[in-house]
C-alpha cells in the first residue's frame, strides 16, 4: 500500500516538476539551480520516507521530519552523514 501511494505521489510530483522546469529554466545558470533543487527534493523525500518507516512514536518522527525540512541542505547533510543511524533511537 505504501509503495502505491509513493508511486502516485512521485507521478503527480514529476508532472508538476516538468511543467515548472519548462517555465523556470531560461539559461544554463537557471538549469543548474533547478537540477540542484531537484536533487534536494529527492533527498528530502527519501529521508522523510526513511524516518516514517522506523518503528517508534509518530510525534517524535514528525518532529524529526519538520526539523529536517526546516534546516534544508544543512539538515540533509547532518541526517545522511551523522544522524541516519541514530534517528531510530531518538524516535523510540
N, C-alpha and C. Protein backbone atom coordinates (compact mmCIF):
# COMPACT_ATOMS: atom_id res chain seq x y z
N UNK A 1 0.83 -1.19 0.00
CA UNK A 1 0.00 0.00 0.00
C UNK A 1 0.87 1.25 0.00
N UNK A 2 1.92 1.25 0.81
CA UNK A 2 2.78 2.42 0.91
C UNK A 2 3.51 2.66 -0.41
N UNK A 3 3.87 1.59 -1.11
CA UNK A 3 4.57 1.73 -2.39
C UNK A 3 3.65 2.37 -3.42
N UNK A 4 2.38 1.97 -3.44
CA UNK A 4 1.44 2.55 -4.38
C UNK A 4 1.22 4.04 -4.12
N UNK A 5 1.11 4.41 -2.86
CA UNK A 5 0.95 5.82 -2.51
C UNK A 5 2.19 6.60 -2.94
N UNK A 6 3.36 6.02 -2.71
CA UNK A 6 4.62 6.66 -3.09
C UNK A 6 4.67 6.86 -4.60
N UNK A 7 4.28 5.85 -5.38
CA UNK A 7 4.30 5.96 -6.83
C UNK A 7 3.32 7.01 -7.33
N UNK A 8 2.15 7.09 -6.73
CA UNK A 8 1.18 8.10 -7.13
C UNK A 8 1.71 9.50 -6.83
N UNK A 9 2.29 9.69 -5.66
CA UNK A 9 2.84 10.99 -5.30
C UNK A 9 3.98 11.37 -6.22
N UNK A 10 4.87 10.42 -6.51
CA UNK A 10 6.01 10.71 -7.39
C UNK A 10 5.52 11.04 -8.79
N UNK A 11 4.53 10.31 -9.29
CA UNK A 11 4.00 10.58 -10.62
C UNK A 11 3.37 11.97 -10.70
N UNK A 12 2.56 12.31 -9.72
CA UNK A 12 1.93 13.63 -9.70
C UNK A 12 3.00 14.72 -9.56
N UNK A 13 3.97 14.45 -8.70
CA UNK A 13 5.02 15.43 -8.45
C UNK A 13 5.90 15.62 -9.69
N UNK A 14 6.22 14.53 -10.41
CA UNK A 14 7.08 14.64 -11.57
C UNK A 14 6.43 15.44 -12.70
N UNK A 15 5.11 15.32 -12.86
CA UNK A 15 4.42 16.12 -13.87
C UNK A 15 4.51 17.60 -13.54
N UNK A 16 4.36 17.93 -12.27
CA UNK A 16 4.46 19.33 -11.87
C UNK A 16 5.90 19.84 -12.04
N UNK A 17 6.89 18.99 -11.79
CA UNK A 17 8.28 19.40 -11.96
C UNK A 17 8.57 19.70 -13.42
N UNK A 18 8.06 18.87 -14.31
CA UNK A 18 8.30 19.09 -15.74
C UNK A 18 7.68 20.40 -16.18
N UNK A 19 6.46 20.68 -15.74
CA UNK A 19 5.82 21.95 -16.08
C UNK A 19 6.61 23.11 -15.48
N UNK A 20 7.02 22.97 -14.23
CA UNK A 20 7.80 24.01 -13.57
C UNK A 20 9.14 24.22 -14.27
N UNK A 21 9.78 23.13 -14.66
CA UNK A 21 11.08 23.22 -15.33
C UNK A 21 10.96 23.96 -16.65
N UNK A 22 9.90 23.69 -17.38
CA UNK A 22 9.71 24.35 -18.67
C UNK A 22 9.52 25.86 -18.49
N UNK A 23 8.81 26.26 -17.47
CA UNK A 23 8.56 27.68 -17.23
C UNK A 23 9.77 28.37 -16.60
N UNK A 24 10.54 27.63 -15.80
CA UNK A 24 11.57 28.24 -14.97
C UNK A 24 12.91 28.38 -15.67
N UNK A 25 13.31 27.42 -16.45
CA UNK A 25 14.67 27.40 -16.99
C UNK A 25 14.76 28.25 -18.25
N UNK A 26 15.52 29.32 -18.14
CA UNK A 26 15.75 30.21 -19.27
C UNK A 26 17.21 30.18 -19.71
N UNK A 27 18.13 30.00 -18.77
CA UNK A 27 19.56 29.98 -19.09
C UNK A 27 20.20 28.76 -18.45
N UNK A 28 21.49 28.55 -18.74
CA UNK A 28 22.21 27.43 -18.14
C UNK A 28 22.33 27.59 -16.63
N UNK A 29 22.47 28.81 -16.17
CA UNK A 29 22.56 29.05 -14.72
C UNK A 29 21.27 28.62 -14.04
N UNK A 30 20.15 28.94 -14.65
CA UNK A 30 18.87 28.52 -14.10
C UNK A 30 18.71 27.01 -14.12
N UNK A 31 19.22 26.37 -15.16
CA UNK A 31 19.11 24.92 -15.27
C UNK A 31 19.94 24.24 -14.19
N UNK A 32 21.11 24.73 -13.90
CA UNK A 32 21.95 24.15 -12.84
C UNK A 32 21.27 24.33 -11.49
N UNK A 33 20.72 25.49 -11.24
CA UNK A 33 19.99 25.72 -9.99
C UNK A 33 18.80 24.78 -9.87
N UNK A 34 18.12 24.57 -10.96
CA UNK A 34 16.96 23.69 -10.96
C UNK A 34 17.37 22.24 -10.68
N UNK A 35 18.47 21.80 -11.27
CA UNK A 35 18.96 20.43 -11.03
C UNK A 35 19.35 20.26 -9.57
N UNK A 36 20.02 21.24 -9.00
CA UNK A 36 20.38 21.17 -7.58
C UNK A 36 19.13 21.13 -6.72
N UNK A 37 18.12 21.90 -7.08
CA UNK A 37 16.86 21.90 -6.34
C UNK A 37 16.19 20.52 -6.41
N UNK A 38 16.18 19.91 -7.60
CA UNK A 38 15.58 18.59 -7.77
C UNK A 38 16.30 17.56 -6.91
N UNK A 39 17.62 17.61 -6.87
CA UNK A 39 18.40 16.68 -6.04
C UNK A 39 18.01 16.85 -4.57
N UNK A 40 17.86 18.08 -4.12
CA UNK A 40 17.45 18.34 -2.75
C UNK A 40 16.07 17.80 -2.44
N UNK A 41 15.14 17.97 -3.37
CA UNK A 41 13.77 17.47 -3.17
C UNK A 41 13.77 15.95 -3.08
N UNK A 42 14.50 15.29 -3.96
CA UNK A 42 14.55 13.82 -3.96
C UNK A 42 15.16 13.32 -2.66
N UNK A 43 16.26 13.94 -2.21
CA UNK A 43 16.89 13.52 -0.96
C UNK A 43 15.97 13.76 0.24
N UNK A 44 15.22 14.86 0.22
CA UNK A 44 14.27 15.12 1.31
C UNK A 44 13.17 14.08 1.35
N UNK A 45 12.62 13.74 0.20
CA UNK A 45 11.56 12.73 0.15
C UNK A 45 12.09 11.39 0.64
N UNK A 46 13.30 11.04 0.21
CA UNK A 46 13.90 9.77 0.65
C UNK A 46 14.12 9.76 2.16
N UNK A 47 14.62 10.86 2.71
CA UNK A 47 14.86 10.94 4.15
C UNK A 47 13.55 10.86 4.93
N UNK A 48 12.52 11.54 4.46
CA UNK A 48 11.22 11.51 5.14
C UNK A 48 10.65 10.10 5.13
N UNK A 49 10.73 9.41 4.01
CA UNK A 49 10.23 8.04 3.93
C UNK A 49 11.02 7.10 4.85
N UNK A 50 12.33 7.32 4.95
CA UNK A 50 13.15 6.50 5.86
C UNK A 50 12.74 6.73 7.31
N UNK A 51 12.52 7.98 7.68
CA UNK A 51 12.13 8.28 9.06
C UNK A 51 10.75 7.71 9.36
N UNK A 52 9.83 7.81 8.42
CA UNK A 52 8.48 7.29 8.64
C UNK A 52 8.46 5.76 8.73
N UNK A 53 9.42 5.10 8.12
CA UNK A 53 9.44 3.64 8.15
C UNK A 53 10.03 3.08 9.45
N UNK A 54 10.63 3.94 10.28
CA UNK A 54 11.20 3.49 11.55
C UNK A 54 10.09 3.21 12.56
N UNK A 55 10.27 2.16 13.36
CA UNK A 55 9.28 1.94 14.42
C UNK A 55 9.50 2.93 15.55
N UNK A 56 8.44 3.45 16.09
CA UNK A 56 8.56 4.40 17.19
C UNK A 56 7.38 5.34 17.27
N UNK A 57 7.54 6.34 18.09
CA UNK A 57 6.49 7.32 18.35
C UNK A 57 6.32 8.24 17.14
N UNK A 58 5.10 8.35 16.65
CA UNK A 58 4.82 9.16 15.47
C UNK A 58 5.08 10.65 15.72
N UNK A 59 4.84 11.11 16.93
CA UNK A 59 5.09 12.52 17.26
C UNK A 59 6.57 12.85 17.12
N UNK A 60 7.42 11.96 17.62
CA UNK A 60 8.86 12.19 17.51
C UNK A 60 9.32 12.10 16.06
N UNK A 61 8.71 11.20 15.30
CA UNK A 61 9.05 11.09 13.88
C UNK A 61 8.70 12.38 13.15
N UNK A 62 7.50 12.91 13.41
CA UNK A 62 7.09 14.16 12.77
C UNK A 62 7.96 15.33 13.18
N UNK A 63 8.40 15.34 14.42
CA UNK A 63 9.31 16.39 14.88
C UNK A 63 10.63 16.31 14.13
N UNK A 64 11.17 15.11 13.98
CA UNK A 64 12.41 14.93 13.22
C UNK A 64 12.24 15.36 11.76
N UNK A 65 11.09 15.04 11.18
CA UNK A 65 10.84 15.42 9.79
C UNK A 65 10.74 16.93 9.64
N UNK A 66 10.04 17.58 10.55
CA UNK A 66 9.91 19.05 10.49
C UNK A 66 11.27 19.71 10.64
N UNK A 67 12.07 19.24 11.57
CA UNK A 67 13.41 19.81 11.75
C UNK A 67 14.25 19.59 10.50
N UNK A 68 14.17 18.41 9.93
CA UNK A 68 14.92 18.10 8.71
C UNK A 68 14.52 19.03 7.57
N UNK A 69 13.23 19.23 7.38
CA UNK A 69 12.76 20.06 6.27
C UNK A 69 13.02 21.54 6.50
N UNK A 70 12.97 21.99 7.74
CA UNK A 70 13.23 23.41 8.02
C UNK A 70 14.70 23.79 7.87
N UNK A 71 15.58 22.83 8.08
CA UNK A 71 17.01 23.14 8.00
C UNK A 71 17.59 22.91 6.62
N UNK A 72 16.79 22.45 5.68
CA UNK A 72 17.14 22.33 4.27
C UNK A 72 18.42 21.53 4.05
N UNK A 73 19.39 22.10 3.33
CA UNK A 73 20.61 21.37 2.97
C UNK A 73 21.44 20.99 4.19
N UNK A 74 21.50 21.86 5.18
CA UNK A 74 22.27 21.54 6.40
C UNK A 74 21.64 20.34 7.09
N UNK A 75 20.32 20.30 7.17
CA UNK A 75 19.63 19.17 7.75
C UNK A 75 19.88 17.88 6.99
N UNK A 76 19.90 17.97 5.66
CA UNK A 76 20.18 16.78 4.86
C UNK A 76 21.59 16.27 5.08
N UNK A 77 22.56 17.16 5.13
CA UNK A 77 23.95 16.75 5.36
C UNK A 77 24.10 16.10 6.72
N UNK A 78 23.51 16.72 7.74
CA UNK A 78 23.58 16.14 9.09
C UNK A 78 22.88 14.79 9.13
N UNK A 79 21.72 14.69 8.48
CA UNK A 79 20.98 13.43 8.50
C UNK A 79 21.76 12.31 7.82
N UNK A 80 22.24 12.56 6.61
CA UNK A 80 22.87 11.49 5.84
C UNK A 80 24.28 11.13 6.34
N UNK A 81 25.00 12.07 6.95
CA UNK A 81 26.36 11.76 7.38
C UNK A 81 26.48 11.43 8.86
N UNK A 82 25.48 11.78 9.67
CA UNK A 82 25.63 11.55 11.10
C UNK A 82 24.38 10.96 11.75
N UNK A 83 23.24 11.54 11.55
CA UNK A 83 22.06 11.20 12.33
C UNK A 83 21.27 10.01 11.79
N UNK A 84 21.59 9.54 10.61
CA UNK A 84 20.82 8.46 10.00
C UNK A 84 20.75 7.21 10.88
N UNK A 85 21.86 6.84 11.46
CA UNK A 85 21.89 5.66 12.33
C UNK A 85 21.27 5.92 13.69
N UNK A 86 21.20 7.16 14.10
CA UNK A 86 20.75 7.48 15.45
C UNK A 86 19.28 7.87 15.55
N UNK A 87 18.65 8.16 14.43
CA UNK A 87 17.25 8.59 14.46
C UNK A 87 16.36 7.48 15.01
N UNK A 88 16.70 6.23 14.73
CA UNK A 88 15.92 5.10 15.25
C UNK A 88 15.87 5.08 16.76
N UNK A 89 16.96 5.45 17.42
CA UNK A 89 16.99 5.51 18.88
C UNK A 89 16.22 6.74 19.38
N UNK A 90 16.26 7.83 18.64
CA UNK A 90 15.60 9.05 19.08
C UNK A 90 14.08 8.93 19.06
N UNK A 91 13.54 8.19 18.11
CA UNK A 91 12.09 8.12 17.98
C UNK A 91 11.45 7.03 18.81
N UNK A 92 12.21 6.25 19.52
CA UNK A 92 11.64 5.19 20.37
C UNK A 92 10.97 5.77 21.58
